[in-house]
Protein backbone atom coordinates (compact mmCIF):
# COMPACT_ATOMS: atom_id res chain seq x y z
CA MET A 1 73.68 188.39 -68.11
CA ARG A 2 73.81 186.81 -64.98
CA GLU A 3 70.51 184.43 -64.30
CA ILE A 4 68.80 184.85 -60.91
CA PHE A 5 66.90 182.03 -59.57
CA MET A 6 64.12 182.54 -56.68
CA PRO A 7 62.35 179.65 -54.65
CA LEU A 8 58.92 178.88 -55.84
CA ALA A 9 57.57 180.04 -52.54
CA ILE A 10 58.85 183.40 -52.51
CA LEU A 11 58.00 183.95 -56.15
CA SER A 12 54.40 183.14 -55.59
CA CYS A 13 54.07 185.57 -52.68
CA ALA A 14 55.67 188.26 -54.99
CA VAL A 15 53.43 187.97 -57.82
CA LEU A 16 50.22 186.91 -55.90
CA PRO A 17 50.34 189.26 -52.92
CA LEU A 18 46.60 189.74 -52.94
CA ALA A 19 46.08 185.74 -52.57
CA GLY A 20 48.32 185.54 -49.69
CA CYS A 21 50.96 182.70 -49.28
CA LYS A 22 50.45 179.73 -47.08
CA ILE A 23 53.64 177.76 -46.20
CA VAL A 24 53.18 173.91 -45.02
CA LYS A 25 55.47 172.50 -42.42
CA THR A 26 56.99 169.41 -42.77
CA PRO A 27 55.40 166.85 -40.45
CA ASP A 28 57.12 165.79 -37.20
CA PRO A 29 58.28 162.48 -37.27
CA GLU A 30 58.43 162.18 -33.53
CA ALA A 31 54.58 163.19 -33.58
CA SER A 32 53.68 160.72 -36.17
CA ASN A 33 55.43 158.17 -34.37
CA ALA A 34 53.65 159.18 -31.00
CA GLN A 35 50.45 159.04 -33.11
CA ALA A 36 51.28 155.60 -34.70
CA VAL A 37 51.88 154.11 -30.69
CA GLU A 38 48.55 155.43 -29.86
CA MET A 39 46.81 153.46 -32.42
CA THR A 40 48.45 150.22 -31.30
CA ASP A 41 46.36 147.13 -30.34
CA GLU A 42 46.98 147.80 -26.66
CA ALA A 43 46.10 151.21 -26.80
CA ARG A 44 42.90 150.71 -28.54
CA MET A 45 41.62 147.90 -26.37
CA ALA A 46 42.68 149.84 -22.94
CA ALA A 47 40.46 152.52 -24.24
CA TYR A 48 37.44 150.70 -25.24
CA ALA A 49 37.84 148.49 -21.93
CA SER A 50 37.71 152.07 -20.04
CA SER A 51 34.56 152.72 -22.00
CA ILE A 52 32.68 149.86 -21.07
CA TRP A 53 34.12 149.31 -17.32
CA ALA A 54 31.54 151.70 -15.40
CA GLU A 55 28.66 151.38 -17.91
CA LYS A 56 28.25 147.59 -18.72
CA VAL A 57 31.32 145.64 -17.13
CA LEU A 58 30.75 146.38 -13.66
CA PRO A 59 26.81 146.31 -13.71
CA THR A 60 26.84 142.97 -15.48
CA VAL A 61 28.98 141.43 -12.65
CA ALA A 62 26.79 142.93 -10.24
CA GLN A 63 23.93 141.57 -11.67
CA HIS A 64 25.06 138.18 -12.12
CA ALA A 65 26.61 137.46 -8.84
CA VAL A 66 25.62 134.79 -6.77
CA PRO A 67 26.66 134.15 -3.17
CA PHE A 68 29.54 132.01 -3.10
CA ASP A 69 27.86 129.81 -0.66
CA ASP A 70 24.84 129.54 -3.06
CA LEU A 71 26.96 128.52 -6.14
CA GLN A 72 29.11 125.72 -4.05
CA ALA A 73 25.96 124.19 -3.28
CA LYS A 74 24.83 124.20 -6.53
CA LEU A 75 27.83 122.63 -8.19
CA ALA A 76 27.97 120.01 -5.35
CA SER A 77 24.16 119.13 -6.21
CA ASP A 78 24.03 119.51 -9.95
CA GLY A 79 27.65 119.48 -11.11
CA LEU A 80 29.43 122.02 -13.30
CA ASP A 81 26.70 121.86 -16.16
CA GLY A 82 23.86 122.45 -13.73
CA ALA A 83 25.48 125.18 -12.16
CA GLY A 84 26.48 126.77 -15.23
CA GLN A 85 23.21 126.42 -16.91
CA ALA A 86 21.66 128.19 -13.71
CA HIS A 87 24.33 130.68 -13.20
CA GLY A 88 26.94 130.79 -15.40
CA LEU A 89 28.12 132.57 -18.48
CA ARG A 90 30.39 131.36 -21.56
CA PRO A 91 31.29 132.25 -25.27
CA LYS A 92 29.55 129.64 -27.17
CA GLY A 93 30.86 126.07 -27.32
CA GLU A 94 30.76 123.25 -24.94
CA ALA A 95 34.81 123.30 -24.93
CA ASN A 96 34.87 126.65 -23.46
CA SER A 97 34.63 127.15 -19.50
CA TRP A 98 31.86 128.21 -17.55
CA ASN A 99 32.55 131.63 -16.03
CA PHE A 100 30.71 132.67 -13.00
CA ALA A 101 30.43 136.04 -11.06
CA VAL A 102 30.03 135.66 -7.34
CA LYS A 103 30.09 137.85 -4.25
CA GLY A 104 30.82 136.73 -0.34
CA THR A 105 32.61 137.56 2.57
CA GLY A 106 35.44 135.60 3.94
CA THR A 107 38.63 135.65 6.27
CA ILE A 108 42.08 135.94 4.86
CA THR A 109 44.30 133.29 5.42
CA GLU A 110 47.50 134.30 3.54
CA ALA A 111 48.30 137.83 1.76
CA ASN A 112 51.01 137.89 -0.87
CA THR A 113 51.09 141.42 -1.89
CA GLU A 114 54.41 141.91 -3.06
CA SER A 115 54.48 139.83 -6.02
CA ARG A 116 53.39 141.03 -9.26
CA ALA A 117 51.00 138.26 -9.18
CA ALA A 118 49.55 139.49 -5.72
CA LYS A 119 46.68 137.75 -4.34
CA LEU A 120 44.84 137.12 -1.31
CA MET A 121 44.02 133.50 -0.04
CA VAL A 122 40.45 133.37 1.39
CA ASP A 123 38.49 130.91 3.71
CA MET A 124 34.97 130.92 2.87
CA ASN A 125 33.54 128.24 5.63
CA GLY A 126 35.52 128.92 8.78
CA ASP A 127 37.72 125.83 8.72
CA GLY A 128 40.85 127.76 8.53
CA ALA A 129 41.53 126.64 4.87
CA ALA A 130 41.66 128.91 1.67
CA ASP A 131 38.47 128.31 -0.69
CA LEU A 132 39.31 130.64 -3.30
CA THR A 133 42.26 133.04 -4.41
CA VAL A 134 41.72 136.75 -5.22
CA GLN A 135 43.83 137.82 -7.74
CA LEU A 136 44.91 141.14 -7.23
CA GLY A 137 47.79 141.67 -9.98
CA PRO A 138 48.87 143.56 -11.91
CA VAL A 139 49.72 140.13 -13.23
CA ILE A 140 46.28 138.71 -13.28
CA ARG A 141 45.71 135.15 -15.06
CA GLY A 142 42.86 134.16 -17.39
CA THR A 143 40.06 135.56 -19.28
CA ALA A 144 36.98 135.18 -17.14
CA LEU A 145 36.49 138.76 -16.55
CA ARG A 146 36.24 139.15 -20.74
CA ASP A 147 34.30 135.74 -21.38
CA ALA A 148 31.64 136.49 -18.42
CA MET A 149 30.31 139.63 -20.63
CA PRO A 150 27.77 138.36 -23.08
CA PHE A 151 28.02 141.63 -25.10
CA LEU A 152 31.46 141.00 -25.91
CA ILE A 153 31.93 138.48 -28.61
CA PHE A 154 34.90 137.37 -30.39
CA THR A 155 33.40 137.66 -34.31
CA ASP A 156 32.97 141.34 -33.50
CA PHE A 157 36.92 141.87 -33.19
CA ARG A 158 39.84 141.68 -35.80
CA ASP A 159 41.30 138.33 -34.43
CA GLN A 160 42.53 136.39 -31.51
CA ILE A 161 45.36 138.47 -30.73
CA GLU A 162 42.95 141.69 -30.22
CA PHE A 163 40.31 139.92 -28.22
CA ALA A 164 43.48 138.65 -25.86
CA LYS A 165 44.43 142.23 -25.47
CA LEU A 166 40.93 143.06 -24.51
CA ALA A 167 41.03 140.49 -21.91
CA ARG A 168 44.38 141.79 -20.79
CA ALA A 169 42.88 145.35 -20.69
CA LEU A 170 39.95 144.47 -18.37
CA ASN A 171 42.29 142.74 -15.71
CA ASP A 172 44.27 145.85 -15.71
CA LEU A 173 41.27 147.55 -14.65
CA ALA A 174 40.46 145.08 -12.12
CA ASN A 175 44.08 145.56 -10.59
CA ALA A 176 43.71 149.60 -10.78
CA GLY A 177 40.63 148.99 -8.73
CA VAL A 178 42.25 147.27 -5.83
CA ALA A 179 43.00 149.48 -2.96
CA LEU A 180 44.29 147.57 0.36
CA PRO A 181 44.92 148.59 3.63
CA GLU A 182 48.86 148.68 4.50
CA SER A 183 48.53 146.78 7.99
CA ASP A 184 48.73 143.11 8.23
CA LEU A 185 45.68 141.53 6.18
CA VAL A 186 46.08 137.68 7.66
CA GLY A 187 42.89 137.11 9.81
CA ARG A 188 41.00 140.18 8.49
CA SER A 189 37.21 140.01 6.91
CA VAL A 190 37.25 140.82 3.15
CA THR A 191 33.98 141.29 1.03
CA PHE A 192 34.42 140.68 -2.74
CA GLU A 193 32.61 140.45 -6.07
CA GLY A 194 34.05 139.16 -9.33
CA VAL A 195 34.36 136.48 -11.63
CA TYR A 196 36.19 133.18 -11.88
CA ALA A 197 36.14 130.62 -14.68
CA LEU A 198 36.00 126.66 -14.21
CA LYS A 199 36.72 124.19 -16.66
CA ASN A 200 36.04 121.17 -14.26
CA ALA A 201 34.13 121.52 -11.28
CA GLY A 202 37.10 120.67 -8.85
CA ASP A 203 39.65 123.18 -10.46
CA LYS A 204 41.00 125.92 -8.18
CA ILE A 205 38.95 128.94 -7.87
CA GLU A 206 41.02 132.23 -8.95
CA LEU A 207 38.89 135.19 -8.80
CA VAL A 208 38.97 138.02 -10.75
CA PRO A 209 37.65 141.01 -8.46
CA THR A 210 35.69 144.03 -9.28
CA VAL A 211 34.94 144.83 -5.68
CA VAL A 212 37.61 144.07 -2.88
CA GLN A 213 36.73 145.51 0.49
CA VAL A 214 39.13 144.59 3.53
CA GLN A 215 37.31 145.53 7.02
């Protein structure tokens, strides 16, 4: 007699017609890879940064923003630590930079909008020389925006790598919020709000903007 072999799934359906038969599909490797990509540090930190941007980050900068001229006067009279104690934000530890939220209006003396590290040079006191750099990005240096947020604490994150990716995600959102007119920018007035870090009082000011408006 010839033996007959039947696949298990077909046999089960034939024997138990009333119970029904459920066929489970083999997982799609491409779908699994896509899900893995979504769970990378970059994706998770980008999603987290987006979730706090409008609700927490922008209000924190607006709440702590000091007029640029007032902060410069405070730095001149009381030094970096005095200005930091009055207006600065920084993670715990004296070795960390002071981060200052500022606002103001100045005149654009130079505009580099073609580079990936695009920036505006801004004169704040009318002497024709730039007093600060407004970083436009997409490449934005530093972690001032992250470190100025009192609710972002290093120990709440897995490690330094994840914390660094959060800083990058916040800088990316700052870049995404920049919209400039296409005409020549030099000589035009710019109003800004944002954050910059100082390790020493004489350091170059490189602002990470949360508001940039060219008149």
